[in-house]
């Protein structure tokens, strides 16, 4: 359980990064900043408690073997919404009693001006996955002149997405069956294209892997 706790504290960092807010030097905005930080802190604490509850539930079920990364690689599409696959890799790593299987596909056009990277991760439903998917336990909805960031849903799966309009880059991540994380990161492409690339992955088939 000590190891689980270490992963939970590690998971607090992405929670704080997600809910943290930028500041302003203007006096009249300082109070708003402090109020937002207070709300952010409460949100982080709530997320950490939820992570602890889920970690306890997972520990009762016992360890679950991660799937072979080759099975994950088979789910990588041949192209990402029209962008050809340039590379497909996979690996399985373990530390402190946890094992993670990962498959990654890299896609792009001929001149490299448009790229998308798809990643499929299986942590066997361990407490570590709760840290990697900390966004699945909080609510985020931000919008600026340059883009947005929010938690949402993709079908029945919890998801997180953000996009920068100026740089035309962004990402979307989905938590499947409380153990798999599927993410798509794009550069030089629209969010619609990034989402379409992720939708090329058969999430139902992924959820059934054991």
N, C-alpha and C. Protein backbone atom coordinates (compact mmCIF):
# COMPACT_ATOMS: atom_id res chain seq x y z
N UNK A 1 0.84 -1.21 0.00
CA UNK A 1 0.00 0.00 0.00
C UNK A 1 0.87 1.25 0.00
N UNK A 2 2.10 1.11 0.54
CA UNK A 2 3.01 2.25 0.55
C UNK A 2 3.36 2.66 -0.87
N UNK A 3 3.57 1.64 -1.73
CA UNK A 3 3.87 1.94 -3.13
C UNK A 3 2.71 2.65 -3.79
N UNK A 4 1.49 2.20 -3.49
CA UNK A 4 0.31 2.85 -4.05
C UNK A 4 0.27 4.31 -3.65
N UNK A 5 0.61 4.59 -2.37
CA UNK A 5 0.57 5.96 -1.89
C UNK A 5 1.58 6.82 -2.63
N UNK A 6 2.75 6.26 -2.91
CA UNK A 6 3.76 7.02 -3.66
C UNK A 6 3.25 7.39 -5.04
N UNK A 7 2.57 6.45 -5.69
CA UNK A 7 2.01 6.75 -7.02
C UNK A 7 0.93 7.80 -6.92
N UNK A 8 0.16 7.78 -5.82
CA UNK A 8 -0.91 8.76 -5.67
C UNK A 8 -0.35 10.16 -5.54
N UNK A 9 0.72 10.30 -4.75
CA UNK A 9 1.33 11.62 -4.60
C UNK A 9 1.94 12.07 -5.92
N UNK A 10 2.49 11.11 -6.67
CA UNK A 10 3.02 11.46 -8.00
C UNK A 10 1.90 11.91 -8.91
N UNK A 11 0.72 11.32 -8.72
CA UNK A 11 -0.43 11.70 -9.54
C UNK A 11 -0.97 13.07 -9.22
N UNK A 12 -0.63 13.61 -8.05
CA UNK A 12 -1.11 14.93 -7.67
C UNK A 12 -0.55 16.02 -8.57
N UNK A 13 0.68 15.81 -9.08
CA UNK A 13 1.30 16.82 -9.93
C UNK A 13 0.49 17.11 -11.18
N UNK A 14 0.10 16.07 -11.98
CA UNK A 14 -0.72 16.39 -13.15
C UNK A 14 -2.07 17.00 -12.78
N UNK A 15 -2.60 16.64 -11.61
CA UNK A 15 -3.86 17.25 -11.19
C UNK A 15 -3.66 18.74 -10.99
N UNK A 16 -2.59 19.13 -10.29
CA UNK A 16 -2.32 20.54 -10.03
C UNK A 16 -2.05 21.28 -11.33
N UNK A 17 -1.35 20.60 -12.27
CA UNK A 17 -1.07 21.24 -13.55
C UNK A 17 -2.35 21.48 -14.34
N UNK A 18 -3.29 20.56 -14.21
CA UNK A 18 -4.55 20.70 -14.94
C UNK A 18 -5.41 21.80 -14.38
N UNK A 19 -5.48 21.89 -13.03
CA UNK A 19 -6.39 22.85 -12.44
C UNK A 19 -5.72 24.16 -12.07
N UNK A 20 -4.39 24.23 -12.18
CA UNK A 20 -3.69 25.46 -11.83
C UNK A 20 -4.01 26.57 -12.81
N UNK A 21 -3.93 27.80 -12.35
CA UNK A 21 -4.27 28.94 -13.20
C UNK A 21 -3.10 29.90 -13.29
N UNK A 22 -2.98 30.59 -14.41
CA UNK A 22 -1.96 31.61 -14.56
C UNK A 22 -2.36 32.87 -13.82
N UNK A 23 -1.38 33.73 -13.50
CA UNK A 23 -1.68 34.92 -12.70
C UNK A 23 -1.53 36.20 -13.49
N UNK A 24 -1.85 37.32 -12.85
CA UNK A 24 -1.70 38.63 -13.45
C UNK A 24 -1.08 39.55 -12.43
N UNK A 25 -0.39 40.56 -12.88
CA UNK A 25 0.24 41.51 -11.96
C UNK A 25 -0.70 42.61 -11.54
N UNK A 26 -1.83 42.70 -12.20
CA UNK A 26 -2.80 43.74 -11.86
C UNK A 26 -3.39 43.46 -10.49
N UNK A 27 -3.44 44.51 -9.66
CA UNK A 27 -3.95 44.35 -8.30
C UNK A 27 -5.37 43.81 -8.25
N UNK A 28 -6.22 44.35 -9.08
CA UNK A 28 -7.63 43.97 -9.03
C UNK A 28 -7.84 42.53 -9.49
N UNK A 29 -6.83 41.95 -10.19
CA UNK A 29 -6.95 40.57 -10.63
C UNK A 29 -6.33 39.60 -9.63
N UNK A 30 -5.57 40.17 -8.67
CA UNK A 30 -4.87 39.33 -7.71
C UNK A 30 -5.84 38.54 -6.84
N UNK A 31 -6.93 39.22 -6.42
CA UNK A 31 -7.91 38.54 -5.58
C UNK A 31 -8.56 37.39 -6.35
N UNK A 32 -8.88 37.64 -7.63
CA UNK A 32 -9.48 36.59 -8.45
C UNK A 32 -8.53 35.41 -8.57
N UNK A 33 -7.26 35.74 -8.71
CA UNK A 33 -6.25 34.69 -8.83
C UNK A 33 -6.22 33.83 -7.57
N UNK A 34 -6.25 34.50 -6.40
CA UNK A 34 -6.22 33.76 -5.15
C UNK A 34 -7.46 32.90 -4.98
N UNK A 35 -8.61 33.44 -5.39
CA UNK A 35 -9.85 32.66 -5.32
C UNK A 35 -9.76 31.42 -6.21
N UNK A 36 -9.22 31.60 -7.41
CA UNK A 36 -9.10 30.48 -8.34
C UNK A 36 -8.14 29.44 -7.80
N UNK A 37 -7.04 29.90 -7.19
CA UNK A 37 -6.07 28.96 -6.63
C UNK A 37 -6.69 28.17 -5.49
N UNK A 38 -7.56 28.83 -4.71
CA UNK A 38 -8.23 28.15 -3.62
C UNK A 38 -9.14 27.06 -4.15
N UNK A 39 -9.90 27.39 -5.20
CA UNK A 39 -10.78 26.40 -5.82
C UNK A 39 -9.95 25.27 -6.43
N UNK A 40 -8.82 25.64 -7.06
CA UNK A 40 -7.96 24.64 -7.67
C UNK A 40 -7.42 23.67 -6.63
N UNK A 41 -7.02 24.22 -5.48
CA UNK A 41 -6.49 23.38 -4.41
C UNK A 41 -7.54 22.40 -3.92
N UNK A 42 -8.77 22.90 -3.77
CA UNK A 42 -9.86 22.02 -3.34
C UNK A 42 -10.11 20.92 -4.36
N UNK A 43 -10.04 21.29 -5.63
CA UNK A 43 -10.23 20.30 -6.68
C UNK A 43 -9.14 19.25 -6.66
N UNK A 44 -7.90 19.67 -6.41
CA UNK A 44 -6.78 18.73 -6.36
C UNK A 44 -6.93 17.78 -5.19
N UNK A 45 -7.34 18.31 -4.04
CA UNK A 45 -7.54 17.46 -2.86
C UNK A 45 -8.64 16.45 -3.12
N UNK A 46 -9.73 16.91 -3.73
CA UNK A 46 -10.83 16.01 -4.04
C UNK A 46 -10.39 14.90 -4.99
N UNK A 47 -9.57 15.28 -6.00
CA UNK A 47 -9.08 14.29 -6.95
C UNK A 47 -8.18 13.29 -6.27
N UNK A 48 -7.33 13.76 -5.35
CA UNK A 48 -6.42 12.88 -4.65
C UNK A 48 -7.19 11.88 -3.79
N UNK A 49 -8.26 12.34 -3.15
CA UNK A 49 -9.09 11.44 -2.35
C UNK A 49 -9.73 10.38 -3.22
N UNK A 50 -10.21 10.81 -4.39
CA UNK A 50 -10.82 9.86 -5.32
C UNK A 50 -9.79 8.84 -5.80
N UNK A 51 -8.56 9.31 -6.05
CA UNK A 51 -7.48 8.42 -6.46
C UNK A 51 -7.19 7.40 -5.37
N UNK A 52 -7.20 7.86 -4.10
CA UNK A 52 -6.94 6.96 -2.97
C UNK A 52 -8.03 5.90 -2.87
N UNK A 53 -9.28 6.33 -3.07
CA UNK A 53 -10.39 5.38 -3.00
C UNK A 53 -10.29 4.32 -4.10
N UNK A 54 -9.96 4.78 -5.30
CA UNK A 54 -9.86 3.83 -6.40
C UNK A 54 -8.66 2.91 -6.23
N UNK A 55 -7.56 3.45 -5.68
CA UNK A 55 -6.38 2.62 -5.45
C UNK A 55 -6.68 1.54 -4.43
N UNK A 56 -7.45 1.89 -3.40
CA UNK A 56 -7.83 0.90 -2.39
C UNK A 56 -8.70 -0.19 -3.00
N UNK A 57 -9.62 0.24 -3.86
CA UNK A 57 -10.49 -0.74 -4.53
C UNK A 57 -9.69 -1.67 -5.42
N UNK A 58 -8.72 -1.10 -6.14
CA UNK A 58 -7.89 -1.91 -7.04
C UNK A 58 -7.00 -2.87 -6.27
N UNK A 59 -6.49 -2.42 -5.09
CA UNK A 59 -5.61 -3.27 -4.29
C UNK A 59 -6.37 -4.48 -3.75
N UNK A 60 -7.66 -4.32 -3.49
CA UNK A 60 -8.48 -5.43 -3.00
C UNK A 60 -8.65 -6.49 -4.08
N UNK A 61 -8.71 -6.06 -5.32
CA UNK A 61 -8.88 -6.99 -6.43
C UNK A 61 -7.59 -7.74 -6.74
N UNK A 62 -6.45 -7.18 -6.30
CA UNK A 62 -5.17 -7.81 -6.57
C UNK A 62 -4.62 -7.39 -7.92
N UNK A 63 -3.33 -7.69 -8.19
CA UNK A 63 -2.69 -7.27 -9.43
C UNK A 63 -3.31 -7.94 -10.66
N UNK A 64 -3.37 -7.19 -11.76
CA UNK A 64 -3.86 -7.71 -13.03
C UNK A 64 -2.73 -7.63 -14.04
N UNK A 65 -2.46 -8.75 -14.69
CA UNK A 65 -1.36 -8.78 -15.65
C UNK A 65 -1.69 -7.89 -16.84
N UNK A 66 -0.72 -7.10 -17.25
CA UNK A 66 -0.92 -6.25 -18.42
C UNK A 66 -0.88 -7.10 -19.68
N UNK A 67 -1.54 -6.62 -20.71
CA UNK A 67 -1.55 -7.37 -21.97
C UNK A 67 -0.21 -7.23 -22.67
N UNK A 68 0.07 -8.15 -23.55
CA UNK A 68 1.29 -8.10 -24.35
C UNK A 68 1.24 -6.85 -25.23
N UNK A 69 2.34 -6.11 -25.28
CA UNK A 69 2.34 -4.87 -26.07
C UNK A 69 2.09 -5.16 -27.55
N UNK A 70 2.35 -6.38 -27.97
CA UNK A 70 2.11 -6.73 -29.38
C UNK A 70 0.61 -6.70 -29.70
N UNK A 71 -0.20 -7.04 -28.69
CA UNK A 71 -1.66 -6.97 -28.88
C UNK A 71 -2.10 -5.52 -29.02
N UNK A 72 -1.42 -4.62 -28.29
CA UNK A 72 -1.72 -3.20 -28.41
C UNK A 72 -1.30 -2.67 -29.77
N UNK A 73 -0.14 -3.12 -30.25
CA UNK A 73 0.36 -2.66 -31.55
C UNK A 73 -0.59 -3.03 -32.67
N UNK A 74 -1.25 -4.19 -32.53
CA UNK A 74 -2.17 -4.63 -33.57
C UNK A 74 -3.37 -3.68 -33.72
N UNK A 75 -3.64 -2.90 -32.67
CA UNK A 75 -4.77 -1.97 -32.72
C UNK A 75 -4.39 -0.61 -33.30
N UNK A 76 -3.10 -0.40 -33.55
CA UNK A 76 -2.68 0.85 -34.17
C UNK A 76 -3.11 0.85 -35.64
N UNK A 77 -3.86 1.86 -36.08
CA UNK A 77 -4.33 1.89 -37.47
C UNK A 77 -3.18 2.09 -38.45
N UNK A 78 -3.40 1.65 -39.70
CA UNK A 78 -2.38 1.79 -40.74
C UNK A 78 -2.16 3.25 -41.11
N UNK A 79 -3.20 4.06 -40.93
CA UNK A 79 -3.06 5.50 -41.15
C UNK A 79 -3.94 6.24 -40.14
N UNK A 80 -3.59 7.48 -39.87
CA UNK A 80 -4.33 8.31 -38.92
C UNK A 80 -5.08 9.38 -39.68
N UNK A 81 -6.34 9.11 -39.99
CA UNK A 81 -7.18 10.03 -40.75
C UNK A 81 -6.45 10.53 -42.00
N UNK A 82 -5.87 9.59 -42.73
CA UNK A 82 -5.21 9.94 -43.99
C UNK A 82 -3.71 10.14 -43.90
N UNK A 83 -3.17 10.30 -42.70
CA UNK A 83 -1.72 10.45 -42.54
C UNK A 83 -1.09 9.06 -42.43
N UNK A 84 -0.09 8.80 -43.26
CA UNK A 84 0.54 7.48 -43.31
C UNK A 84 1.33 7.19 -42.03
N UNK A 85 1.31 5.93 -41.64
CA UNK A 85 2.10 5.54 -40.46
C UNK A 85 3.56 5.44 -40.84
N UNK A 86 4.42 6.13 -40.09
CA UNK A 86 5.85 6.15 -40.34
C UNK A 86 6.59 5.17 -39.44
N UNK A 87 6.00 4.90 -38.27
CA UNK A 87 6.70 4.07 -37.29
C UNK A 87 5.70 3.48 -36.31
N UNK A 88 5.97 2.26 -35.84
CA UNK A 88 5.14 1.62 -34.81
C UNK A 88 6.06 0.88 -33.86
N UNK A 89 5.99 1.21 -32.58
CA UNK A 89 6.86 0.58 -31.60
C UNK A 89 6.04 0.09 -30.41
N UNK A 90 6.62 -0.80 -29.62
CA UNK A 90 5.96 -1.29 -28.43
C UNK A 90 6.97 -1.74 -27.41
N UNK A 91 6.58 -1.72 -26.15
CA UNK A 91 7.49 -2.17 -25.09
C UNK A 91 6.70 -2.48 -23.82
N UNK A 92 7.36 -3.22 -22.94
CA UNK A 92 6.76 -3.56 -21.65
C UNK A 92 7.81 -3.31 -20.58
N UNK A 93 7.48 -2.49 -19.60
CA UNK A 93 8.43 -2.12 -18.55
C UNK A 93 7.80 -2.35 -17.18
N UNK A 94 8.64 -2.61 -16.21
CA UNK A 94 8.14 -2.82 -14.86
C UNK A 94 9.05 -2.20 -13.82
N UNK A 95 8.45 -1.73 -12.72
CA UNK A 95 9.21 -1.15 -11.61
C UNK A 95 8.32 -1.12 -10.37
N UNK A 96 8.91 -1.39 -9.21
CA UNK A 96 8.20 -1.31 -7.94
C UNK A 96 6.91 -2.13 -7.93
N UNK A 97 6.94 -3.26 -8.63
CA UNK A 97 5.77 -4.13 -8.63
C UNK A 97 4.72 -3.79 -9.66
N UNK A 98 4.93 -2.74 -10.44
CA UNK A 98 3.98 -2.34 -11.47
C UNK A 98 4.55 -2.63 -12.85
N UNK A 99 3.69 -3.01 -13.76
CA UNK A 99 4.11 -3.28 -15.14
C UNK A 99 3.24 -2.48 -16.09
N UNK A 100 3.86 -1.91 -17.10
CA UNK A 100 3.14 -1.10 -18.08
C UNK A 100 3.50 -1.58 -19.49
N UNK A 101 2.48 -1.79 -20.31
CA UNK A 101 2.68 -2.12 -21.72
C UNK A 101 2.27 -0.92 -22.55
N UNK A 102 3.08 -0.59 -23.54
CA UNK A 102 2.83 0.59 -24.36
C UNK A 102 3.05 0.29 -25.84
N UNK A 103 2.17 0.83 -26.67
CA UNK A 103 2.35 0.77 -28.12
C UNK A 103 2.18 2.19 -28.66
N UNK A 104 3.07 2.58 -29.57
CA UNK A 104 3.04 3.94 -30.10
C UNK A 104 3.16 3.93 -31.62
N UNK A 105 2.30 4.69 -32.25
CA UNK A 105 2.37 4.84 -33.70
C UNK A 105 2.59 6.29 -34.07
N UNK A 106 3.50 6.54 -35.01
CA UNK A 106 3.77 7.90 -35.46
C UNK A 106 3.35 8.05 -36.91
N UNK A 107 2.60 9.12 -37.18
CA UNK A 107 2.01 9.33 -38.50
C UNK A 107 2.33 10.73 -38.99
N UNK A 108 2.39 10.90 -40.31
CA UNK A 108 2.66 12.23 -40.83
C UNK A 108 2.56 12.30 -42.34
N UNK A 109 2.55 13.52 -42.85
CA UNK A 109 2.57 13.70 -44.30
C UNK A 109 4.02 13.69 -44.79
N UNK A 110 4.22 13.85 -46.09
CA UNK A 110 5.56 13.70 -46.66
C UNK A 110 6.56 14.72 -46.16
N UNK A 111 6.13 15.97 -45.97
CA UNK A 111 7.09 16.99 -45.55
C UNK A 111 7.14 17.18 -44.03
N UNK A 112 6.37 16.40 -43.29
CA UNK A 112 6.42 16.47 -41.84
C UNK A 112 5.73 17.68 -41.23
N UNK A 113 4.98 18.40 -42.05
CA UNK A 113 4.29 19.59 -41.52
C UNK A 113 3.04 19.21 -40.72
N UNK A 114 2.54 18.00 -40.93
CA UNK A 114 1.40 17.49 -40.18
C UNK A 114 1.78 16.15 -39.56
N UNK A 115 1.71 16.06 -38.25
CA UNK A 115 2.06 14.81 -37.57
C UNK A 115 1.05 14.48 -36.48
N UNK A 116 0.87 13.20 -36.25
CA UNK A 116 0.02 12.70 -35.17
C UNK A 116 0.71 11.50 -34.54
N UNK A 117 0.67 11.45 -33.23
CA UNK A 117 1.23 10.31 -32.50
C UNK A 117 0.12 9.66 -31.68
N UNK A 118 -0.10 8.37 -31.91
CA UNK A 118 -1.09 7.60 -31.16
C UNK A 118 -0.39 6.70 -30.15
N UNK A 119 -0.87 6.71 -28.92
CA UNK A 119 -0.29 5.86 -27.88
C UNK A 119 -1.38 5.07 -27.17
N UNK A 120 -1.10 3.79 -26.93
CA UNK A 120 -1.99 2.92 -26.18
C UNK A 120 -1.22 2.40 -24.98
N UNK A 121 -1.73 2.63 -23.80
CA UNK A 121 -1.03 2.26 -22.56
C UNK A 121 -1.91 1.38 -21.71
N UNK A 122 -1.33 0.29 -21.19
CA UNK A 122 -2.04 -0.59 -20.25
C UNK A 122 -1.22 -0.73 -18.99
N UNK A 123 -1.79 -0.30 -17.87
CA UNK A 123 -1.12 -0.44 -16.58
C UNK A 123 -1.80 -1.48 -15.71
N UNK A 124 -2.67 -2.29 -16.31
CA UNK A 124 -3.33 -3.34 -15.56
C UNK A 124 -4.29 -2.83 -14.50
N UNK A 125 -4.75 -1.59 -14.65
CA UNK A 125 -5.67 -1.03 -13.66
C UNK A 125 -5.01 -0.74 -12.34
N UNK A 126 -3.68 -0.51 -12.36
CA UNK A 126 -2.94 -0.24 -11.12
C UNK A 126 -3.16 1.19 -10.65
N UNK A 127 -2.74 1.46 -9.42
CA UNK A 127 -2.87 2.81 -8.88
C UNK A 127 -2.09 3.82 -9.70
N UNK A 128 -1.03 3.35 -10.35
CA UNK A 128 -0.23 4.25 -11.18
C UNK A 128 -1.07 4.85 -12.30
N UNK A 129 -1.99 4.05 -12.85
CA UNK A 129 -2.82 4.55 -13.94
C UNK A 129 -3.72 5.68 -13.47
N UNK A 130 -4.09 5.64 -12.18
CA UNK A 130 -4.91 6.72 -11.64
C UNK A 130 -4.14 8.03 -11.66
N UNK A 131 -2.80 7.94 -11.51
CA UNK A 131 -1.98 9.14 -11.59
C UNK A 131 -1.86 9.64 -13.01
N UNK A 132 -1.66 8.70 -13.96
CA UNK A 132 -1.52 9.08 -15.36
C UNK A 132 -2.83 9.65 -15.92
N UNK A 133 -3.95 9.17 -15.36
CA UNK A 133 -5.26 9.65 -15.83
C UNK A 133 -5.94 10.47 -14.75
N UNK A 134 -5.18 11.30 -14.06
CA UNK A 134 -5.74 12.12 -12.98
C UNK A 134 -6.85 13.02 -13.48
N UNK A 135 -6.78 13.40 -14.76
CA UNK A 135 -7.81 14.26 -15.34
C UNK A 135 -9.19 13.59 -15.35
N UNK A 136 -9.22 12.26 -15.23
CA UNK A 136 -10.51 11.56 -15.27
C UNK A 136 -11.30 11.74 -13.98
N UNK A 137 -10.67 12.34 -12.95
CA UNK A 137 -11.34 12.51 -11.66
C UNK A 137 -11.60 13.96 -11.30
N UNK A 138 -11.39 14.86 -12.27
CA UNK A 138 -11.68 16.27 -12.03
C UNK A 138 -12.46 16.84 -13.22
N UNK A 139 -12.95 18.04 -13.05
CA UNK A 139 -13.65 18.72 -14.13
C UNK A 139 -12.84 19.95 -14.54
N UNK A 140 -12.53 20.05 -15.81
CA UNK A 140 -11.77 21.19 -16.34
C UNK A 140 -12.51 21.76 -17.55
N UNK A 141 -12.65 23.06 -17.60
CA UNK A 141 -13.27 23.72 -18.75
C UNK A 141 -12.70 25.13 -18.86
N UNK A 142 -11.68 25.31 -19.69
CA UNK A 142 -11.02 26.59 -19.86
C UNK A 142 -11.01 26.98 -21.33
N UNK A 143 -11.08 28.28 -21.57
CA UNK A 143 -11.02 28.78 -22.94
C UNK A 143 -10.29 30.12 -22.95
N UNK A 144 -9.35 30.28 -23.88
CA UNK A 144 -8.60 31.53 -24.03
C UNK A 144 -8.68 31.97 -25.49
N UNK A 145 -8.00 33.06 -25.80
CA UNK A 145 -7.96 33.54 -27.19
C UNK A 145 -7.23 32.54 -28.09
N UNK A 146 -6.31 31.79 -27.48
CA UNK A 146 -5.47 30.89 -28.27
C UNK A 146 -5.99 29.46 -28.35
N UNK A 147 -6.90 29.08 -27.46
CA UNK A 147 -7.36 27.70 -27.51
C UNK A 147 -8.22 27.33 -26.32
N UNK A 148 -8.24 26.06 -25.99
CA UNK A 148 -9.08 25.59 -24.89
C UNK A 148 -8.49 24.34 -24.26
N UNK A 149 -9.06 23.97 -23.12
CA UNK A 149 -8.67 22.78 -22.39
C UNK A 149 -9.89 22.32 -21.60
N UNK A 150 -10.23 21.04 -21.69
CA UNK A 150 -11.42 20.59 -20.98
C UNK A 150 -11.42 19.07 -20.79
N UNK A 151 -12.17 18.65 -19.79
CA UNK A 151 -12.46 17.24 -19.62
C UNK A 151 -13.83 17.01 -20.25
N UNK A 152 -14.01 15.84 -20.84
CA UNK A 152 -15.24 15.55 -21.56
C UNK A 152 -15.47 14.05 -21.58
N UNK A 153 -16.26 13.59 -22.52
CA UNK A 153 -16.49 12.16 -22.69
C UNK A 153 -16.43 11.79 -24.16
N UNK A 154 -15.94 10.59 -24.40
CA UNK A 154 -15.91 10.05 -25.75
C UNK A 154 -16.69 8.74 -25.68
N UNK A 155 -17.95 8.79 -26.09
CA UNK A 155 -18.82 7.64 -25.84
C UNK A 155 -19.09 7.55 -24.35
N UNK A 156 -18.84 6.37 -23.77
CA UNK A 156 -18.99 6.19 -22.33
C UNK A 156 -17.68 6.39 -21.58
N UNK A 157 -16.62 6.76 -22.29
CA UNK A 157 -15.29 6.87 -21.69
C UNK A 157 -14.95 8.31 -21.33
N UNK A 158 -14.34 8.47 -20.17
CA UNK A 158 -13.89 9.80 -19.77
C UNK A 158 -12.71 10.23 -20.64
N UNK A 159 -12.67 11.52 -20.96
CA UNK A 159 -11.64 12.01 -21.87
C UNK A 159 -11.16 13.40 -21.46
N UNK A 160 -10.00 13.76 -21.98
CA UNK A 160 -9.41 15.07 -21.73
C UNK A 160 -8.85 15.58 -23.05
N UNK A 161 -9.07 16.85 -23.33
CA UNK A 161 -8.54 17.40 -24.57
C UNK A 161 -8.11 18.85 -24.40
N UNK A 162 -7.13 19.23 -25.19
CA UNK A 162 -6.70 20.63 -25.23
C UNK A 162 -6.16 20.93 -26.61
N UNK A 163 -6.26 22.22 -26.99
CA UNK A 163 -5.83 22.59 -28.33
C UNK A 163 -5.36 24.03 -28.35
N UNK A 164 -4.29 24.27 -29.11
CA UNK A 164 -3.72 25.60 -29.29
C UNK A 164 -3.97 26.03 -30.72
N UNK A 165 -4.85 27.01 -30.90
CA UNK A 165 -5.20 27.45 -32.25
C UNK A 165 -4.03 28.10 -32.99
N UNK A 166 -3.21 28.85 -32.24
CA UNK A 166 -2.10 29.56 -32.87
C UNK A 166 -1.07 28.60 -33.45
N UNK A 167 -0.73 27.59 -32.71
CA UNK A 167 0.30 26.63 -33.15
C UNK A 167 -0.28 25.42 -33.87
N UNK A 168 -1.61 25.31 -33.85
CA UNK A 168 -2.29 24.16 -34.46
C UNK A 168 -1.76 22.85 -33.91
N UNK A 169 -1.68 22.77 -32.59
CA UNK A 169 -1.32 21.50 -31.99
C UNK A 169 -2.21 21.22 -30.78
N UNK A 170 -2.38 19.97 -30.47
CA UNK A 170 -3.25 19.61 -29.36
C UNK A 170 -3.21 18.13 -29.08
N UNK A 171 -4.06 17.71 -28.18
CA UNK A 171 -4.10 16.30 -27.82
C UNK A 171 -5.47 15.94 -27.24
N UNK A 172 -5.77 14.66 -27.30
CA UNK A 172 -6.95 14.12 -26.65
C UNK A 172 -6.57 12.77 -26.07
N UNK A 173 -7.03 12.51 -24.84
CA UNK A 173 -6.73 11.24 -24.17
C UNK A 173 -8.03 10.65 -23.64
N UNK A 174 -8.14 9.33 -23.69
CA UNK A 174 -9.36 8.63 -23.26
C UNK A 174 -8.98 7.50 -22.30
N UNK A 175 -9.73 7.37 -21.23
CA UNK A 175 -9.54 6.28 -20.27
C UNK A 175 -10.56 5.19 -20.60
N UNK A 176 -10.07 4.00 -20.93
CA UNK A 176 -10.94 2.89 -21.35
C UNK A 176 -10.90 1.78 -20.30
N UNK A 177 -12.07 1.41 -19.81
CA UNK A 177 -12.21 0.28 -18.88
C UNK A 177 -11.36 0.45 -17.62
N UNK A 178 -11.11 1.70 -17.23
CA UNK A 178 -10.35 2.03 -16.02
C UNK A 178 -8.94 1.44 -16.00
N UNK A 179 -8.41 1.10 -17.17
CA UNK A 179 -7.05 0.54 -17.20
C UNK A 179 -6.24 0.93 -18.43
N UNK A 180 -6.91 1.24 -19.53
CA UNK A 180 -6.19 1.62 -20.74
C UNK A 180 -6.29 3.13 -20.97
N UNK A 181 -5.19 3.73 -21.37
CA UNK A 181 -5.19 5.14 -21.78
C UNK A 181 -4.81 5.20 -23.25
N UNK A 182 -5.68 5.81 -24.04
CA UNK A 182 -5.41 6.00 -25.47
C UNK A 182 -5.29 7.50 -25.70
N UNK A 183 -4.20 7.92 -26.30
CA UNK A 183 -4.00 9.35 -26.53
C UNK A 183 -3.58 9.60 -27.98
N UNK A 184 -3.99 10.76 -28.47
CA UNK A 184 -3.59 11.21 -29.80
C UNK A 184 -3.07 12.63 -29.66
N UNK A 185 -1.82 12.86 -30.09
CA UNK A 185 -1.22 14.18 -30.05
C UNK A 185 -0.90 14.61 -31.46
N UNK A 186 -1.34 15.81 -31.82
CA UNK A 186 -1.13 16.28 -33.18
C UNK A 186 -0.41 17.61 -33.26
N UNK A 187 0.29 17.81 -34.37
CA UNK A 187 0.99 19.07 -34.63
C UNK A 187 0.74 19.47 -36.07
N UNK A 188 0.31 20.73 -36.26
CA UNK A 188 0.03 21.21 -37.60
C UNK A 188 -1.28 20.69 -38.15
N UNK A 189 -2.15 20.20 -37.26
CA UNK A 189 -3.43 19.64 -37.70
C UNK A 189 -4.57 20.20 -36.84
N UNK A 190 -5.79 20.05 -37.30
CA UNK A 190 -6.94 20.52 -36.56
C UNK A 190 -7.31 19.52 -35.47
N UNK A 191 -8.09 19.98 -34.48
CA UNK A 191 -8.55 19.08 -33.44
C UNK A 191 -9.46 18.01 -34.03
N UNK A 192 -10.24 18.36 -35.04
CA UNK A 192 -11.10 17.38 -35.68
C UNK A 192 -10.29 16.22 -36.24
N UNK A 193 -9.13 16.53 -36.79
CA UNK A 193 -8.27 15.49 -37.36
C UNK A 193 -7.66 14.63 -36.25
N UNK A 194 -7.29 15.28 -35.14
CA UNK A 194 -6.73 14.53 -34.01
C UNK A 194 -7.77 13.57 -33.45
N UNK A 195 -9.01 14.05 -33.30
CA UNK A 195 -10.09 13.20 -32.80
C UNK A 195 -10.37 12.05 -33.77
N UNK A 196 -10.37 12.36 -35.06
CA UNK A 196 -10.64 11.33 -36.06
C UNK A 196 -9.56 10.24 -36.01
N UNK A 197 -8.31 10.65 -35.75
CA UNK A 197 -7.22 9.68 -35.66
C UNK A 197 -7.44 8.75 -34.47
N UNK A 198 -7.86 9.31 -33.34
CA UNK A 198 -8.11 8.48 -32.17
C UNK A 198 -9.29 7.54 -32.41
N UNK A 199 -10.28 8.03 -33.14
CA UNK A 199 -11.45 7.20 -33.44
C UNK A 199 -11.11 6.04 -34.37
N UNK A 200 -9.94 6.09 -35.01
CA UNK A 200 -9.50 4.98 -35.85
C UNK A 200 -9.08 3.77 -35.00
N UNK A 201 -8.88 3.99 -33.69
CA UNK A 201 -8.54 2.90 -32.77
C UNK A 201 -9.84 2.25 -32.30
N UNK A 202 -9.91 0.93 -32.37
CA UNK A 202 -11.11 0.20 -31.94
C UNK A 202 -11.12 0.11 -30.41
N UNK A 203 -11.79 1.06 -29.75
CA UNK A 203 -11.80 1.13 -28.30
C UNK A 203 -12.55 -0.05 -27.68
N UNK A 204 -13.57 -0.55 -28.35
CA UNK A 204 -14.31 -1.71 -27.84
C UNK A 204 -13.42 -2.94 -27.80
N UNK A 205 -12.65 -3.13 -28.86
CA UNK A 205 -11.73 -4.27 -28.90
C UNK A 205 -10.64 -4.12 -27.85
N UNK A 206 -10.19 -2.90 -27.65
CA UNK A 206 -9.17 -2.63 -26.63
C UNK A 206 -9.71 -2.99 -25.26
N UNK A 207 -10.94 -2.59 -24.97
CA UNK A 207 -11.54 -2.84 -23.65
C UNK A 207 -11.67 -4.32 -23.35
N UNK A 208 -11.75 -5.14 -24.40
CA UNK A 208 -11.93 -6.59 -24.22
C UNK A 208 -10.61 -7.33 -24.05
N UNK A 209 -9.49 -6.65 -24.27
CA UNK A 209 -8.18 -7.32 -24.14
C UNK A 209 -7.93 -7.74 -22.70
N UNK A 210 -7.32 -8.92 -22.54
CA UNK A 210 -6.98 -9.44 -21.20
C UNK A 210 -5.62 -10.10 -21.25
